[in-house]
Amino acid sequence: MQRPLQITARDFELTEPMDREIRDRVASLERYFERISGCEVVVEAPVHHHRRGGPFRVRIRMTVPRGEIEVNRQAQEDLAVAIRDAFDAARRRLEDHVRELRRQVKAHAEAPRARVTKLVPEEGYGFMTSPEGDEIYFHRNSVLAPGFDHLRVGSEVRFVQEMGETGPQASSVAIIRPRRELKIKVRPGRAGGR
């Protein structure tokens, strides 16, 4: 880290084992991502904690490339659990940040398209054909709103495929609505200006 680790205990004295636990957890975060440039950990005890115990509050703020990661946890009655929970949350946020930095954020693939080729409304099922020529079964319960009754042979749909007992089937089917063309009304202009 470019700046030294700052640990602050408010309203109580942090014990040596808890201080060591915090330092070990920060070191673990640094091993995961070496580009953490600063880290502040604030541990707060409630007023009169020596009589009642927690809940302890642990705040962690890490300075990383392109921003900061902050975790603010209202924790358990036990300080060790509060520290563990806060650092687990900080680790998850750091992992997300690193994925974003590495451009590894998963892009959701667009669901494949198909055309409805057969409908059996009285029995509540139909078939669609993918552009590759695969025939896929679907049941009326797998059709998303506005629903099965709005399907027609030739309707274009998106679907999620899974393997059924007798072959490929769609677990969800969404009707693709054609985009409406923008209609612009042209009013005849007035002669001579405004």
C-alpha atoms as a PDB file:
ATOM      1  CA  MET A   1       0.000   0.000   0.000  1.00  0.00           C
ATOM      2  CA  GLN A   2       1.147   3.501  -0.717  1.00  0.00           C
ATOM      3  CA  ARG A   3      -0.318   4.791   2.548  1.00  0.00           C
ATOM      4  CA  PRO A   4      -0.021   2.901   5.835  1.00  0.00           C
ATOM      5  CA  LEU A   5      -3.000   0.982   7.161  1.00  0.00           C
ATOM      6  CA  GLN A   6      -5.102   3.017   9.605  1.00  0.00           C
ATOM      7  CA  ILE A   7      -6.982   1.163  12.340  1.00  0.00           C
ATOM      8  CA  THR A   8      -9.196   3.179  14.665  1.00  0.00           C
ATOM      9  CA  ALA A   9     -11.115   1.813  17.642  1.00  0.00           C
ATOM     10  CA  ARG A  10     -13.851   4.120  18.936  1.00  0.00           C
ATOM     11  CA  ASP A  11     -15.226   3.938  22.474  1.00  0.00           C
ATOM     12  CA  PHE A  12     -13.097   0.943  23.473  1.00  0.00           C
ATOM     13  CA  GLU A  13      -9.565  -0.459  23.452  1.00  0.00           C
ATOM     14  CA  LEU A  14      -8.842  -2.911  20.610  1.00  0.00           C
ATOM     15  CA  THR A  15      -7.112  -6.042  21.911  1.00  0.00           C
ATOM     16  CA  GLU A  16      -3.866  -7.311  20.396  1.00  0.00           C
ATOM     17  CA  PRO A  17      -5.499 -10.446  18.882  1.00  0.00           C
ATOM     18  CA  MET A  18      -8.229  -8.344  17.206  1.00  0.00           C
ATOM     19  CA  ASP A  19      -5.639  -5.866  15.894  1.00  0.00           C
ATOM     20  CA  ARG A  20      -3.627  -8.776  14.478  1.00  0.00           C
ATOM     21  CA  GLU A  21      -6.795 -10.276  12.925  1.00  0.00           C
ATOM     22  CA  ILE A  22      -7.534  -6.987  11.131  1.00  0.00           C
ATOM     23  CA  ARG A  23      -3.949  -6.704   9.874  1.00  0.00           C
ATOM     24  CA  ASP A  24      -3.992 -10.313   8.623  1.00  0.00           C
ATOM     25  CA  ARG A  25      -7.254  -9.748   6.752  1.00  0.00           C
ATOM     26  CA  VAL A  26      -5.951  -6.558   5.131  1.00  0.00           C
ATOM     27  CA  ALA A  27      -2.791  -8.427   4.104  1.00  0.00           C
ATOM     28  CA  SER A  28      -4.986 -11.112   2.521  1.00  0.00           C
ATOM     29  CA  LEU A  29      -6.839  -8.444   0.496  1.00  0.00           C
ATOM     30  CA  GLU A  30      -3.484  -7.024  -0.619  1.00  0.00           C
ATOM     31  CA  ARG A  31      -2.295 -10.458  -1.745  1.00  0.00           C
ATOM     32  CA  TYR A  32      -5.453 -10.747  -3.839  1.00  0.00           C
ATOM     33  CA  PHE A  33      -5.085  -7.254  -5.353  1.00  0.00           C
ATOM     34  CA  GLU A  34      -1.729  -5.508  -4.973  1.00  0.00           C
ATOM     35  CA  ARG A  35      -2.995  -2.147  -6.210  1.00  0.00           C
ATOM     36  CA  ILE A  36      -4.838  -1.169  -3.026  1.00  0.00           C
ATOM     37  CA  SER A  37      -3.278   2.199  -2.263  1.00  0.00           C
ATOM     38  CA  GLY A  38      -4.835   2.801   1.142  1.00  0.00           C
ATOM     39  CA  CYS A  39      -7.049   1.175   3.735  1.00  0.00           C
ATOM     40  CA  GLU A  40      -8.850   2.532   6.797  1.00  0.00           C
ATOM     41  CA  VAL A  41     -10.638   0.309   9.301  1.00  0.00           C
ATOM     42  CA  VAL A  42     -12.860   1.828  11.985  1.00  0.00           C
ATOM     43  CA  VAL A  43     -14.294  -0.376  14.720  1.00  0.00           C
ATOM     44  CA  GLU A  44     -16.959   1.169  16.929  1.00  0.00           C
ATOM     45  CA  ALA A  45     -18.437  -0.206  20.109  1.00  0.00           C
ATOM     46  CA  PRO A  46     -21.780   0.983  21.418  1.00  0.00           C
ATOM     47  CA  VAL A  47     -21.783   3.186  24.502  1.00  0.00           C
ATOM     48  CA  HIS A  48     -21.679   1.031  27.656  1.00  0.00           C
ATOM     49  CA  HIS A  49     -20.560  -1.982  25.596  1.00  0.00           C
ATOM     50  CA  HIS A  50     -18.639  -3.366  28.567  1.00  0.00           C
ATOM     51  CA  ARG A  51     -21.959  -4.007  30.289  1.00  0.00           C
ATOM     52  CA  ARG A  52     -24.018  -5.267  27.345  1.00  0.00           C
ATOM     53  CA  GLY A  53     -21.535  -6.367  24.671  1.00  0.00           C
ATOM     54  CA  GLY A  54     -22.115  -5.417  21.025  1.00  0.00           C
ATOM     55  CA  PRO A  55     -23.326  -4.936  18.460  1.00  0.00           C
ATOM     56  CA  PHE A  56     -20.022  -3.756  17.089  1.00  0.00           C
ATOM     57  CA  ARG A  57     -19.849  -1.751  13.892  1.00  0.00           C
ATOM     58  CA  VAL A  58     -16.953  -2.216  11.451  1.00  0.00           C
ATOM     59  CA  ARG A  59     -16.277   0.188   8.570  1.00  0.00           C
ATOM     60  CA  ILE A  60     -13.661  -0.502   5.906  1.00  0.00           C
ATOM     61  CA  ARG A  61     -12.637   1.977   3.232  1.00  0.00           C
ATOM     62  CA  MET A  62     -10.098   0.954   0.586  1.00  0.00           C
ATOM     63  CA  THR A  63      -8.644   3.271  -2.017  1.00  0.00           C
ATOM     64  CA  VAL A  64      -8.275   1.407  -5.302  1.00  0.00           C
ATOM     65  CA  PRO A  65      -7.674   2.422  -8.924  1.00  0.00           C
ATOM     66  CA  ARG A  66     -10.677   4.381 -10.214  1.00  0.00           C
ATOM     67  CA  GLY A  67     -12.357   4.830  -6.851  1.00  0.00           C
ATOM     68  CA  GLU A  68     -12.978   3.632  -3.344  1.00  0.00           C
ATOM     69  CA  ILE A  69     -14.622   0.572  -1.895  1.00  0.00           C
ATOM     70  CA  GLU A  70     -16.515   1.120   1.319  1.00  0.00           C
ATOM     71  CA  VAL A  71     -18.130  -1.426   3.593  1.00  0.00           C
ATOM     72  CA  ASN A  72     -20.219  -0.346   6.551  1.00  0.00           C
ATOM     73  CA  ARG A  73     -21.481  -3.253   8.659  1.00  0.00           C
ATOM     74  CA  GLN A  74     -23.732  -3.294  11.706  1.00  0.00           C
ATOM     75  CA  ALA A  75     -22.533  -6.547  13.082  1.00  0.00           C
ATOM     76  CA  GLN A  76     -23.127  -9.303  15.550  1.00  0.00           C
ATOM     77  CA  GLU A  77     -22.685  -9.074  19.275  1.00  0.00           C
ATOM     78  CA  ASP A  78     -19.244 -10.668  18.908  1.00  0.00           C
ATOM     79  CA  LEU A  79     -16.375  -8.465  17.673  1.00  0.00           C
ATOM     80  CA  ALA A  80     -14.576 -11.321  15.877  1.00  0.00           C
ATOM     81  CA  VAL A  81     -17.750 -12.104  13.899  1.00  0.00           C
ATOM     82  CA  ALA A  82     -18.207  -8.409  13.081  1.00  0.00           C
ATOM     83  CA  ILE A  83     -14.660  -8.204  11.711  1.00  0.00           C
ATOM     84  CA  ARG A  84     -15.059 -11.437   9.729  1.00  0.00           C
ATOM     85  CA  ASP A  85     -18.371 -10.342   8.160  1.00  0.00           C
ATOM     86  CA  ALA A  86     -17.047  -6.903   7.229  1.00  0.00           C
ATOM     87  CA  PHE A  87     -13.909  -8.283   5.593  1.00  0.00           C
ATOM     88  CA  ASP A  88     -15.890 -10.967   3.743  1.00  0.00           C
ATOM     89  CA  ALA A  89     -18.082  -8.220   2.284  1.00  0.00           C
ATOM     90  CA  ALA A  90     -14.997  -6.135   1.441  1.00  0.00           C
ATOM     91  CA  ARG A  91     -13.448  -9.118  -0.345  1.00  0.00           C
ATOM     92  CA  ARG A  92     -16.585  -9.627  -2.470  1.00  0.00           C
ATOM     93  CA  ARG A  93     -16.688  -5.951  -3.434  1.00  0.00           C
ATOM     94  CA  LEU A  94     -12.985  -5.971  -4.235  1.00  0.00           C
ATOM     95  CA  GLU A  95     -13.435  -9.049  -6.446  1.00  0.00           C
ATOM     96  CA  ASP A  96     -16.252  -7.275  -8.325  1.00  0.00           C
ATOM     97  CA  HIS A  97     -14.092  -4.179  -8.754  1.00  0.00           C
ATOM     98  CA  VAL A  98     -11.157  -6.198 -10.066  1.00  0.00           C
ATOM     99  CA  ARG A  99     -13.419  -7.973 -12.586  1.00  0.00           C
ATOM    100  CA  GLU A 100     -14.644  -4.585 -13.805  1.00  0.00           C
ATOM    101  CA  LEU A 101     -11.090  -3.302 -14.098  1.00  0.00           C
ATOM    102  CA  ARG A 102     -10.116  -6.354 -16.094  1.00  0.00           C
ATOM    103  CA  ARG A 103     -13.274  -5.986 -18.187  1.00  0.00           C
ATOM    104  CA  GLN A 104     -14.388  -9.423 -17.126  1.00  0.00           C
ATOM    105  CA  VAL A 105     -17.880  -8.361 -16.201  1.00  0.00           C
ATOM    106  CA  LYS A 106     -20.037 -11.021 -17.740  1.00  0.00           C
ATOM    107  CA  ALA A 107     -22.136  -9.718 -20.592  1.00  0.00           C
ATOM    108  CA  HIS A 108     -25.432 -11.485 -20.804  1.00  0.00           C
ATOM    109  CA  ALA A 109     -25.766 -13.175 -24.147  1.00  0.00           C
ATOM    110  CA  GLU A 110     -28.923 -12.377 -26.021  1.00  0.00           C
ATOM    111  CA  ALA A 111     -31.389 -15.236 -25.993  1.00  0.00           C
ATOM    112  CA  PRO A 112     -31.646 -17.075 -29.316  1.00  0.00           C
ATOM    113  CA  ARG A 113     -34.549 -16.368 -31.671  1.00  0.00           C
ATOM    114  CA  ALA A 114     -36.941 -18.733 -33.394  1.00  0.00           C
ATOM    115  CA  ARG A 115     -40.262 -18.707 -35.285  1.00  0.00           C
ATOM    116  CA  VAL A 116     -43.385 -20.484 -34.123  1.00  0.00           C
ATOM    117  CA  THR A 117     -44.108 -23.224 -36.684  1.00  0.00           C
ATOM    118  CA  LYS A 118     -46.925 -25.188 -35.051  1.00  0.00           C
ATOM    119  CA  LEU A 119     -49.522 -24.457 -32.357  1.00  0.00           C
ATOM    120  CA  VAL A 120     -51.879 -26.919 -30.674  1.00  0.00           C
ATOM    121  CA  PRO A 121     -53.952 -24.514 -28.547  1.00  0.00           C
ATOM    122  CA  GLU A 122     -56.485 -27.084 -27.369  1.00  0.00           C
ATOM    123  CA  GLU A 123     -53.639 -29.076 -25.741  1.00  0.00           C
ATOM    124  CA  GLY A 124     -51.522 -26.049 -24.753  1.00  0.00           C
ATOM    125  CA  TYR A 125     -48.269 -26.611 -26.606  1.00  0.00           C
ATOM    126  CA  GLY A 126     -46.456 -25.741 -29.778  1.00  0.00           C
ATOM    127  CA  PHE A 127     -43.201 -25.974 -31.686  1.00  0.00           C
ATOM    128  CA  MET A 128     -40.761 -23.380 -32.898  1.00  0.00           C
ATOM    129  CA  THR A 129     -37.927 -23.646 -35.386  1.00  0.00           C
ATOM    130  CA  SER A 130     -34.555 -21.991 -34.841  1.00  0.00           C
ATOM    131  CA  PRO A 131     -32.614 -20.350 -37.701  1.00  0.00           C
ATOM    132  CA  GLU A 132     -30.407 -23.468 -37.671  1.00  0.00           C
ATOM    133  CA  GLY A 133     -33.465 -25.624 -38.403  1.00  0.00           C
ATOM    134  CA  ASP A 134     -33.856 -27.199 -34.936  1.00  0.00           C
ATOM    135  CA  GLU A 135     -37.436 -27.901 -33.859  1.00  0.00           C
ATOM    136  CA  ILE A 136     -38.058 -27.007 -30.206  1.00  0.00           C
ATOM    137  CA  TYR A 137     -41.129 -27.931 -28.156  1.00  0.00           C
ATOM    138  CA  PHE A 138     -42.727 -25.438 -25.739  1.00  0.00           C
ATOM    139  CA  HIS A 139     -45.650 -25.605 -23.335  1.00  0.00           C
ATOM    140  CA  ARG A 140     -48.149 -22.802 -22.774  1.00  0.00           C
ATOM    141  CA  ASN A 141     -46.818 -22.318 -19.202  1.00  0.00           C
ATOM    142  CA  SER A 142     -43.377 -21.403 -20.553  1.00  0.00           C
ATOM    143  CA  VAL A 143     -44.701 -18.450 -22.595  1.00  0.00           C
ATOM    144  CA  LEU A 144     -44.141 -15.118 -20.846  1.00  0.00           C
ATOM    145  CA  ALA A 145     -46.710 -12.289 -20.846  1.00  0.00           C
ATOM    146  CA  PRO A 146     -48.776 -11.475 -22.815  1.00  0.00           C
ATOM    147  CA  GLY A 147     -49.026 -15.273 -23.006  1.00  0.00           C
ATOM    148  CA  PHE A 148     -49.666 -18.312 -25.156  1.00  0.00           C
ATOM    149  CA  ASP A 149     -52.950 -17.022 -26.587  1.00  0.00           C
ATOM    150  CA  HIS A 150     -51.112 -14.147 -28.304  1.00  0.00           C
ATOM    151  CA  LEU A 151     -48.861 -16.468 -30.309  1.00  0.00           C
ATOM    152  CA  ARG A 152     -49.501 -17.140 -33.976  1.00  0.00           C
ATOM    153  CA  VAL A 153     -47.747 -19.416 -36.466  1.00  0.00           C
ATOM    154  CA  GLY A 154     -44.911 -17.236 -37.753  1.00  0.00           C
ATOM    155  CA  SER A 155     -44.523 -15.224 -34.525  1.00  0.00           C
ATOM    156  CA  GLU A 156     -40.903 -14.431 -33.752  1.00  0.00           C
ATOM    157  CA  VAL A 157     -39.799 -15.340 -30.214  1.00  0.00           C
ATOM    158  CA  ARG A 158     -36.752 -15.446 -27.960  1.00  0.00           C
ATOM    159  CA  PHE A 159     -36.331 -18.530 -25.839  1.00  0.00           C
ATOM    160  CA  VAL A 160     -34.238 -20.329 -23.258  1.00  0.00           C
ATOM    161  CA  GLN A 161     -33.617 -23.940 -24.182  1.00  0.00           C
ATOM    162  CA  GLU A 162     -33.171 -26.965 -21.968  1.00  0.00           C
ATOM    163  CA  MET A 163     -33.174 -30.682 -22.567  1.00  0.00           C
ATOM    164  CA  GLY A 164     -36.531 -32.334 -21.879  1.00  0.00           C
ATOM    165  CA  GLU A 165     -37.388 -36.017 -21.581  1.00  0.00           C
ATOM    166  CA  THR A 166     -37.931 -36.400 -25.335  1.00  0.00           C
ATOM    167  CA  GLY A 167     -35.584 -33.733 -26.704  1.00  0.00           C
ATOM    168  CA  PRO A 168     -34.983 -29.987 -26.694  1.00  0.00           C
ATOM    169  CA  GLN A 169     -37.662 -27.801 -25.176  1.00  0.00           C
ATOM    170  CA  ALA A 170     -38.026 -24.148 -24.229  1.00  0.00           C
ATOM    171  CA  SER A 171     -38.172 -23.309 -20.531  1.00  0.00           C
ATOM    172  CA  SER A 172     -39.217 -19.739 -21.316  1.00  0.00           C
ATOM    173  CA  VAL A 173     -40.534 -18.112 -24.469  1.00  0.00           C
ATOM    174  CA  ALA A 174     -40.871 -14.344 -25.004  1.00  0.00           C
ATOM    175  CA  ILE A 175     -42.769 -12.874 -27.922  1.00  0.00           C
ATOM    176  CA  ILE A 176     -40.744 -10.343 -29.887  1.00  0.00           C
ATOM    177  CA  ARG A 177     -42.868  -7.350 -30.652  1.00  0.00           C
ATOM    178  CA  PRO A 178     -42.085  -5.664 -33.946  1.00  0.00           C
ATOM    179  CA  ARG A 179     -40.944  -2.097 -33.493  1.00  0.00           C
ATOM    180  CA  ARG A 180     -43.560   0.370 -34.457  1.00  0.00           C
ATOM    181  CA  GLU A 181     -42.485   2.768 -37.090  1.00  0.00           C
ATOM    182  CA  LEU A 182     -42.437   6.377 -36.079  1.00  0.00           C
ATOM    183  CA  LYS A 183     -45.179   8.154 -37.936  1.00  0.00           C
ATOM    184  CA  ILE A 184     -44.614  11.824 -38.514  1.00  0.00           C
ATOM    185  CA  LYS A 185     -47.469  13.959 -39.589  1.00  0.00           C
ATOM    186  CA  VAL A 186     -46.420  16.602 -42.044  1.00  0.00           C
ATOM    187  CA  ARG A 187     -48.488  19.743 -41.903  1.00  0.00           C
ATOM    188  CA  PRO A 188     -48.461  22.018 -44.842  1.00  0.00           C
ATOM    189  CA  GLY A 189     -46.568  25.193 -44.087  1.00  0.00           C
ATOM    190  CA  ARG A 190     -48.010  28.634 -44.349  1.00  0.00           C
ATOM    191  CA  ALA A 191     -46.916  30.818 -47.151  1.00  0.00           C
ATOM    192  CA  GLY A 192     -45.021  33.942 -46.292  1.00  0.00           C
ATOM    193  CA  GLY A 193     -43.282  32.971 -43.047  1.00  0.00           C
ATOM    194  CA  ARG A 194     -44.444  32.170 -39.525  1.00  0.00           C
END
